[in-house]
Amino acid sequence: LLPSLPTLTVLVPLLSLAGLFYSASVDENFPQGCTSTASLCFYSLLLPVTVPVYVFFHLWTWMGIKLFRHN
C-alpha cells in the first residue's frame, strides 16, 4: 500500500521539482508567490528541505540515545 523508503526518496523531490517548474511557468509573480502557504510553489520548495532535515535530526536523536545507553 505505502511505497518503500527508496521510492519515496526519489518520488518526493521529483514531484516537488515538477511542482516548482509548474509554478515557475504558470505563476506571473513566481518568487513572491512562494510565500503563501496556499500555493503549490511553497510546498514544492518546502518538501525537499523538510525531508533531509527530518532524517538528520532523527539520526541525531538515535545517536544520542545510543551514546546515552552505552555510557
PDB file of N, CA and C in Angstrom:
ATOM      1  N   LEU A   1       0.820  -1.196   0.000  1.00  0.00           N
ATOM      2  CA  LEU A   1       0.000   0.000   0.000  1.00  0.00           C
ATOM      3  C   LEU A   1       0.861   1.256   0.000  1.00  0.00           C
ATOM      4  N   LEU A   2       1.759   1.359   0.980  1.00  0.00           N
ATOM      5  CA  LEU A   2       2.658   2.519   1.019  1.00  0.00           C
ATOM      6  C   LEU A   2       3.923   2.220   0.221  1.00  0.00           C
ATOM      7  N   PRO A   3       4.427   3.191  -0.521  1.00  0.00           N
ATOM      8  CA  PRO A   3       5.679   2.958  -1.239  1.00  0.00           C
ATOM      9  C   PRO A   3       6.852   2.818  -0.271  1.00  0.00           C
ATOM     10  N   SER A   4       7.885   2.153  -0.714  1.00  0.00           N
ATOM     11  CA  SER A   4       9.058   1.945   0.135  1.00  0.00           C
ATOM     12  C   SER A   4       9.847   3.245   0.290  1.00  0.00           C
ATOM     13  N   LEU A   5      10.755   3.256   1.242  1.00  0.00           N
ATOM     14  CA  LEU A   5      11.554   4.448   1.515  1.00  0.00           C
ATOM     15  C   LEU A   5      12.408   4.880   0.314  1.00  0.00           C
ATOM     16  N   PRO A   6      13.100   3.965  -0.396  1.00  0.00           N
ATOM     17  CA  PRO A   6      13.855   4.414  -1.573  1.00  0.00           C
ATOM     18  C   PRO A   6      12.958   5.012  -2.660  1.00  0.00           C
ATOM     19  N   THR A   7      11.755   4.451  -2.799  1.00  0.00           N
ATOM     20  CA  THR A   7      10.824   5.009  -3.778  1.00  0.00           C
ATOM     21  C   THR A   7      10.393   6.409  -3.371  1.00  0.00           C
ATOM     22  N   LEU A   8      10.086   6.597  -2.097  1.00  0.00           N
ATOM     23  CA  LEU A   8       9.704   7.932  -1.617  1.00  0.00           C
ATOM     24  C   LEU A   8      10.859   8.915  -1.713  1.00  0.00           C
ATOM     25  N   THR A   9      12.087   8.420  -1.488  1.00  0.00           N
ATOM     26  CA  THR A   9      13.260   9.288  -1.569  1.00  0.00           C
ATOM     27  C   THR A   9      13.434   9.850  -2.971  1.00  0.00           C
ATOM     28  N   VAL A  10      13.018   9.094  -3.959  1.00  0.00           N
ATOM     29  CA  VAL A  10      13.110   9.559  -5.341  1.00  0.00           C
ATOM     30  C   VAL A  10      11.864  10.346  -5.740  1.00  0.00           C
ATOM     31  N   LEU A  11      10.689   9.878  -5.314  1.00  0.00           N
ATOM     32  CA  LEU A  11       9.444  10.498  -5.762  1.00  0.00           C
ATOM     33  C   LEU A  11       9.198  11.886  -5.176  1.00  0.00           C
ATOM     34  N   VAL A  12       9.481  12.082  -3.903  1.00  0.00           N
ATOM     35  CA  VAL A  12       9.187  13.375  -3.268  1.00  0.00           C
ATOM     36  C   VAL A  12       9.968  14.517  -3.921  1.00  0.00           C
ATOM     37  N   PRO A  13      11.298  14.404  -4.119  1.00  0.00           N
ATOM     38  CA  PRO A  13      11.980  15.506  -4.808  1.00  0.00           C
ATOM     39  C   PRO A  13      11.538  15.683  -6.258  1.00  0.00           C
ATOM     40  N   LEU A  14      11.224  14.590  -6.958  1.00  0.00           N
ATOM     41  CA  LEU A  14      10.783  14.725  -8.347  1.00  0.00           C
ATOM     42  C   LEU A  14       9.426  15.415  -8.435  1.00  0.00           C
ATOM     43  N   LEU A  15       8.499  15.046  -7.563  1.00  0.00           N
ATOM     44  CA  LEU A  15       7.203  15.716  -7.549  1.00  0.00           C
ATOM     45  C   LEU A  15       7.337  17.180  -7.130  1.00  0.00           C
ATOM     46  N   SER A  16       8.226  17.445  -6.188  1.00  0.00           N
ATOM     47  CA  SER A  16       8.454  18.826  -5.763  1.00  0.00           C
ATOM     48  C   SER A  16       9.073  19.648  -6.896  1.00  0.00           C
ATOM     49  N   LEU A  17       9.998  19.045  -7.610  1.00  0.00           N
ATOM     50  CA  LEU A  17      10.620  19.741  -8.743  1.00  0.00           C
ATOM     51  C   LEU A  17       9.599  19.994  -9.844  1.00  0.00           C
ATOM     52  N   ALA A  18       8.727  19.030 -10.090  1.00  0.00           N
ATOM     53  CA  ALA A  18       7.677  19.224 -11.090  1.00  0.00           C
ATOM     54  C   ALA A  18       6.739  20.355 -10.667  1.00  0.00           C
ATOM     55  N   GLY A  19       6.385  20.388  -9.388  1.00  0.00           N
ATOM     56  CA  GLY A  19       5.544  21.477  -8.894  1.00  0.00           C
ATOM     57  C   GLY A  19       6.236  22.823  -8.978  1.00  0.00           C
ATOM     58  N   LEU A  20       7.528  22.848  -8.720  1.00  0.00           N
ATOM     59  CA  LEU A  20       8.286  24.096  -8.826  1.00  0.00           C
ATOM     60  C   LEU A  20       8.332  24.594 -10.260  1.00  0.00           C
ATOM     61  N   PHE A  21       8.590  23.698 -11.211  1.00  0.00           N
ATOM     62  CA  PHE A  21       8.600  24.089 -12.627  1.00  0.00           C
ATOM     63  C   PHE A  21       7.216  24.527 -13.088  1.00  0.00           C
ATOM     64  N   TYR A  22       6.189  23.855 -12.601  1.00  0.00           N
ATOM     65  CA  TYR A  22       4.821  24.254 -12.939  1.00  0.00           C
ATOM     66  C   TYR A  22       4.530  25.657 -12.405  1.00  0.00           C
ATOM     67  N   SER A  23       4.915  25.906 -11.165  1.00  0.00           N
ATOM     68  CA  SER A  23       4.691  27.227 -10.574  1.00  0.00           C
ATOM     69  C   SER A  23       5.474  28.298 -11.317  1.00  0.00           C
ATOM     70  N   ALA A  24       6.714  27.969 -11.699  1.00  0.00           N
ATOM     71  CA  ALA A  24       7.539  28.960 -12.393  1.00  0.00           C
ATOM     72  C   ALA A  24       6.991  29.274 -13.775  1.00  0.00           C
ATOM     73  N   SER A  25       6.379  28.307 -14.416  1.00  0.00           N
ATOM     74  CA  SER A  25       5.887  28.556 -15.774  1.00  0.00           C
ATOM     75  C   SER A  25       4.486  29.178 -15.781  1.00  0.00           C
ATOM     76  N   VAL A  26       3.659  28.909 -14.764  1.00  0.00           N
ATOM     77  CA  VAL A  26       2.275  29.380 -14.768  1.00  0.00           C
ATOM     78  C   VAL A  26       2.114  30.691 -13.998  1.00  0.00           C
ATOM     79  N   ASP A  27       2.746  30.801 -12.848  1.00  0.00           N
ATOM     80  CA  ASP A  27       2.534  31.961 -11.978  1.00  0.00           C
ATOM     81  C   ASP A  27       3.326  33.160 -12.484  1.00  0.00           C
ATOM     82  N   GLU A  28       2.647  34.315 -12.578  1.00  0.00           N
ATOM     83  CA  GLU A  28       3.325  35.516 -13.083  1.00  0.00           C
ATOM     84  C   GLU A  28       4.294  36.092 -12.051  1.00  0.00           C
ATOM     85  N   ASN A  29       3.881  36.123 -10.789  1.00  0.00           N
ATOM     86  CA  ASN A  29       4.751  36.650  -9.727  1.00  0.00           C
ATOM     87  C   ASN A  29       5.372  35.491  -8.967  1.00  0.00           C
ATOM     88  N   PHE A  30       6.198  34.707  -9.649  1.00  0.00           N
ATOM     89  CA  PHE A  30       6.708  33.436  -9.117  1.00  0.00           C
ATOM     90  C   PHE A  30       7.484  33.572  -7.818  1.00  0.00           C
ATOM     91  N   PRO A  31       8.548  34.365  -7.736  1.00  0.00           N
ATOM     92  CA  PRO A  31       9.293  34.344  -6.462  1.00  0.00           C
ATOM     93  C   PRO A  31       8.482  34.878  -5.285  1.00  0.00           C
ATOM     94  N   GLN A  32       7.652  35.880  -5.517  1.00  0.00           N
ATOM     95  CA  GLN A  32       6.874  36.446  -4.416  1.00  0.00           C
ATOM     96  C   GLN A  32       5.709  35.534  -4.042  1.00  0.00           C
ATOM     97  N   GLY A  33       5.197  34.749  -4.988  1.00  0.00           N
ATOM     98  CA  GLY A  33       4.067  33.876  -4.724  1.00  0.00           C
ATOM     99  C   GLY A  33       4.414  32.669  -3.878  1.00  0.00           C
ATOM    100  N   CYS A  34       5.693  32.403  -3.664  1.00  0.00           N
ATOM    101  CA  CYS A  34       6.107  31.226  -2.899  1.00  0.00           C
ATOM    102  C   CYS A  34       5.930  31.417  -1.402  1.00  0.00           C
ATOM    103  N   THR A  35       5.564  32.603  -0.944  1.00  0.00           N
ATOM    104  CA  THR A  35       5.441  32.853   0.484  1.00  0.00           C
ATOM    105  C   THR A  35       4.071  32.449   1.020  1.00  0.00           C
ATOM    106  N   SER A  36       3.076  32.291   0.165  1.00  0.00           N
ATOM    107  CA  SER A  36       1.740  31.918   0.609  1.00  0.00           C
ATOM    108  C   SER A  36       1.646  30.409   0.789  1.00  0.00           C
ATOM    109  N   THR A  37       1.108  29.972   1.927  1.00  0.00           N
ATOM    110  CA  THR A  37       1.000  28.538   2.182  1.00  0.00           C
ATOM    111  C   THR A  37      -0.078  27.890   1.325  1.00  0.00           C
ATOM    112  N   ALA A  38      -0.888  28.679   0.638  1.00  0.00           N
ATOM    113  CA  ALA A  38      -1.920  28.117  -0.236  1.00  0.00           C
ATOM    114  C   ALA A  38      -1.364  27.776  -1.615  1.00  0.00           C
ATOM    115  N   SER A  39      -0.154  28.218  -1.928  1.00  0.00           N
ATOM    116  CA  SER A  39       0.380  27.997  -3.270  1.00  0.00           C
ATOM    117  C   SER A  39       1.132  26.675  -3.357  1.00  0.00           C
ATOM    118  N   LEU A  40       1.122  26.096  -4.539  1.00  0.00           N
ATOM    119  CA  LEU A  40       1.848  24.855  -4.799  1.00  0.00           C
ATOM    120  C   LEU A  40       3.351  25.088  -4.717  1.00  0.00           C
ATOM    121  N   CYS A  41       3.788  26.274  -5.089  1.00  0.00           N
ATOM    122  CA  CYS A  41       5.214  26.614  -5.075  1.00  0.00           C
ATOM    123  C   CYS A  41       5.794  26.511  -3.673  1.00  0.00           C
ATOM    124  N   PHE A  42       5.031  26.942  -2.681  1.00  0.00           N
ATOM    125  CA  PHE A  42       5.509  26.907  -1.298  1.00  0.00           C
ATOM    126  C   PHE A  42       5.862  25.480  -0.888  1.00  0.00           C
ATOM    127  N   TYR A  43       4.984  24.537  -1.199  1.00  0.00           N
ATOM    128  CA  TYR A  43       5.215  23.151  -0.810  1.00  0.00           C
ATOM    129  C   TYR A  43       6.254  22.479  -1.693  1.00  0.00           C
ATOM    130  N   SER A  44       6.390  22.913  -2.931  1.00  0.00           N
ATOM    131  CA  SER A  44       7.424  22.338  -3.788  1.00  0.00           C
ATOM    132  C   SER A  44       8.810  22.787  -3.328  1.00  0.00           C
ATOM    133  N   LEU A  45       8.893  23.881  -2.613  1.00  0.00           N
ATOM    134  CA  LEU A  45      10.166  24.286  -2.015  1.00  0.00           C
ATOM    135  C   LEU A  45      10.337  23.719  -0.611  1.00  0.00           C
ATOM    136  N   LEU A  46       9.234  23.518   0.100  1.00  0.00           N
ATOM    137  CA  LEU A  46       9.301  23.059   1.484  1.00  0.00           C
ATOM    138  C   LEU A  46       9.650  21.575   1.601  1.00  0.00           C
ATOM    139  N   LEU A  47       9.056  20.725   0.770  1.00  0.00           N
ATOM    140  CA  LEU A  47       9.261  19.282   0.898  1.00  0.00           C
ATOM    141  C   LEU A  47      10.704  18.833   0.718  1.00  0.00           C
ATOM    142  N   PRO A  48      11.423  19.298  -0.312  1.00  0.00           N
ATOM    143  CA  PRO A  48      12.812  18.837  -0.438  1.00  0.00           C
ATOM    144  C   PRO A  48      13.706  19.282   0.711  1.00  0.00           C
ATOM    145  N   VAL A  49      13.338  20.351   1.391  1.00  0.00           N
ATOM    146  CA  VAL A  49      14.129  20.819   2.525  1.00  0.00           C
ATOM    147  C   VAL A  49      13.750  20.056   3.798  1.00  0.00           C
ATOM    148  N   THR A  50      12.480  19.748   3.949  1.00  0.00           N
ATOM    149  CA  THR A  50      11.987  19.111   5.176  1.00  0.00           C
ATOM    150  C   THR A  50      12.495  17.685   5.340  1.00  0.00           C
ATOM    151  N   VAL A  51      12.513  16.917   4.265  1.00  0.00           N
ATOM    152  CA  VAL A  51      12.880  15.501   4.363  1.00  0.00           C
ATOM    153  C   VAL A  51      14.323  15.312   4.854  1.00  0.00           C
ATOM    154  N   PRO A  52      15.344  15.963   4.263  1.00  0.00           N
ATOM    155  CA  PRO A  52      16.705  15.764   4.794  1.00  0.00           C
ATOM    156  C   PRO A  52      16.883  16.286   6.221  1.00  0.00           C
ATOM    157  N   VAL A  53      16.205  17.376   6.564  1.00  0.00           N
ATOM    158  CA  VAL A  53      16.307  17.908   7.927  1.00  0.00           C
ATOM    159  C   VAL A  53      15.696  16.919   8.916  1.00  0.00           C
ATOM    160  N   TYR A  54      14.556  16.324   8.555  1.00  0.00           N
ATOM    161  CA  TYR A  54      13.936  15.327   9.423  1.00  0.00           C
ATOM    162  C   TYR A  54      14.857  14.123   9.605  1.00  0.00           C
ATOM    163  N   VAL A  55      15.434  13.638   8.519  1.00  0.00           N
ATOM    164  CA  VAL A  55      16.330  12.476   8.593  1.00  0.00           C
ATOM    165  C   VAL A  55      17.539  12.804   9.465  1.00  0.00           C
ATOM    166  N   PHE A  56      18.116  13.994   9.294  1.00  0.00           N
ATOM    167  CA  PHE A  56      19.276  14.391  10.083  1.00  0.00           C
ATOM    168  C   PHE A  56      18.953  14.389  11.568  1.00  0.00           C
ATOM    169  N   PHE A  57      17.852  15.021  11.958  1.00  0.00           N
ATOM    170  CA  PHE A  57      17.528  15.103  13.378  1.00  0.00           C
ATOM    171  C   PHE A  57      17.064  13.767  13.937  1.00  0.00           C
ATOM    172  N   HIS A  58      16.462  12.938  13.106  1.00  0.00           N
ATOM    173  CA  HIS A  58      16.106  11.594  13.548  1.00  0.00           C
ATOM    174  C   HIS A  58      17.375  10.793  13.861  1.00  0.00           C
ATOM    175  N   LEU A  59      18.355  10.854  12.968  1.00  0.00           N
ATOM    176  CA  LEU A  59      19.620  10.162  13.212  1.00  0.00           C
ATOM    177  C   LEU A  59      20.372  10.761  14.402  1.00  0.00           C
ATOM    178  N   TRP A  60      20.317  12.071  14.560  1.00  0.00           N
ATOM    179  CA  TRP A  60      20.961  12.753  15.688  1.00  0.00           C
ATOM    180  C   TRP A  60      20.373  12.257  17.014  1.00  0.00           C
ATOM    181  N   THR A  61      19.025  12.138  17.063  1.00  0.00           N
ATOM    182  CA  THR A  61      18.362  11.640  18.262  1.00  0.00           C
ATOM    183  C   THR A  61      18.735  10.189  18.519  1.00  0.00           C
ATOM    184  N   TRP A  62      18.762   9.389  17.468  1.00  0.00           N
ATOM    185  CA  TRP A  62      19.116   7.982  17.609  1.00  0.00           C
ATOM    186  C   TRP A  62      20.539   7.827  18.140  1.00  0.00           C
ATOM    187  N   MET A  63      21.479   8.618  17.612  1.00  0.00           N
ATOM    188  CA  MET A  63      22.858   8.567  18.099  1.00  0.00           C
ATOM    189  C   MET A  63      22.946   9.021  19.548  1.00  0.00           C
ATOM    190  N   GLY A  64      22.163  10.021  19.924  1.00  0.00           N
ATOM    191  CA  GLY A  64      22.148  10.472  21.309  1.00  0.00           C
ATOM    192  C   GLY A  64      21.654   9.391  22.246  1.00  0.00           C
ATOM    193  N   ILE A  65      20.610   8.678  21.836  1.00  0.00           N
ATOM    194  CA  ILE A  65      20.093   7.579  22.667  1.00  0.00           C
ATOM    195  C   ILE A  65      21.135   6.471  22.772  1.00  0.00           C
ATOM    196  N   LYS A  66      21.803   6.144  21.664  1.00  0.00           N
ATOM    197  CA  LYS A  66      22.827   5.099  21.679  1.00  0.00           C
ATOM    198  C   LYS A  66      23.978   5.482  22.608  1.00  0.00           C
ATOM    199  N   LEU A  67      24.448   6.712  22.506  1.00  0.00           N
ATOM    200  CA  LEU A  67      25.543   7.153  23.357  1.00  0.00           C
ATOM    201  C   LEU A  67      25.133   7.187  24.829  1.00  0.00           C
ATOM    202  N   PHE A  68      23.901   7.595  25.109  1.00  0.00           N
ATOM    203  CA  PHE A  68      23.432   7.647  26.482  1.00  0.00           C
ATOM    204  C   PHE A  68      23.331   6.252  27.094  1.00  0.00           C
ATOM    205  N   ARG A  69      22.882   5.273  26.310  1.00  0.00           N
ATOM    206  CA  ARG A  69      22.729   3.914  26.835  1.00  0.00           C
ATOM    207  C   ARG A  69      24.072   3.233  27.079  1.00  0.00           C
ATOM    208  N   HIS A  70      25.071   3.538  26.269  1.00  0.00           N
ATOM    209  CA  HIS A  70      26.344   2.830  26.354  1.00  0.00           C
ATOM    210  C   HIS A  70      27.355   3.510  27.271  1.00  0.00           C
ATOM    211  N   ASN A  71      27.011   4.645  27.824  1.00  0.00           N
ATOM    212  CA  ASN A  71      27.945   5.318  28.737  1.00  0.00           C
ATOM    213  C   ASN A  71      27.461   5.295  30.165  1.00  0.00           C
TER     214      ASN A  71
END
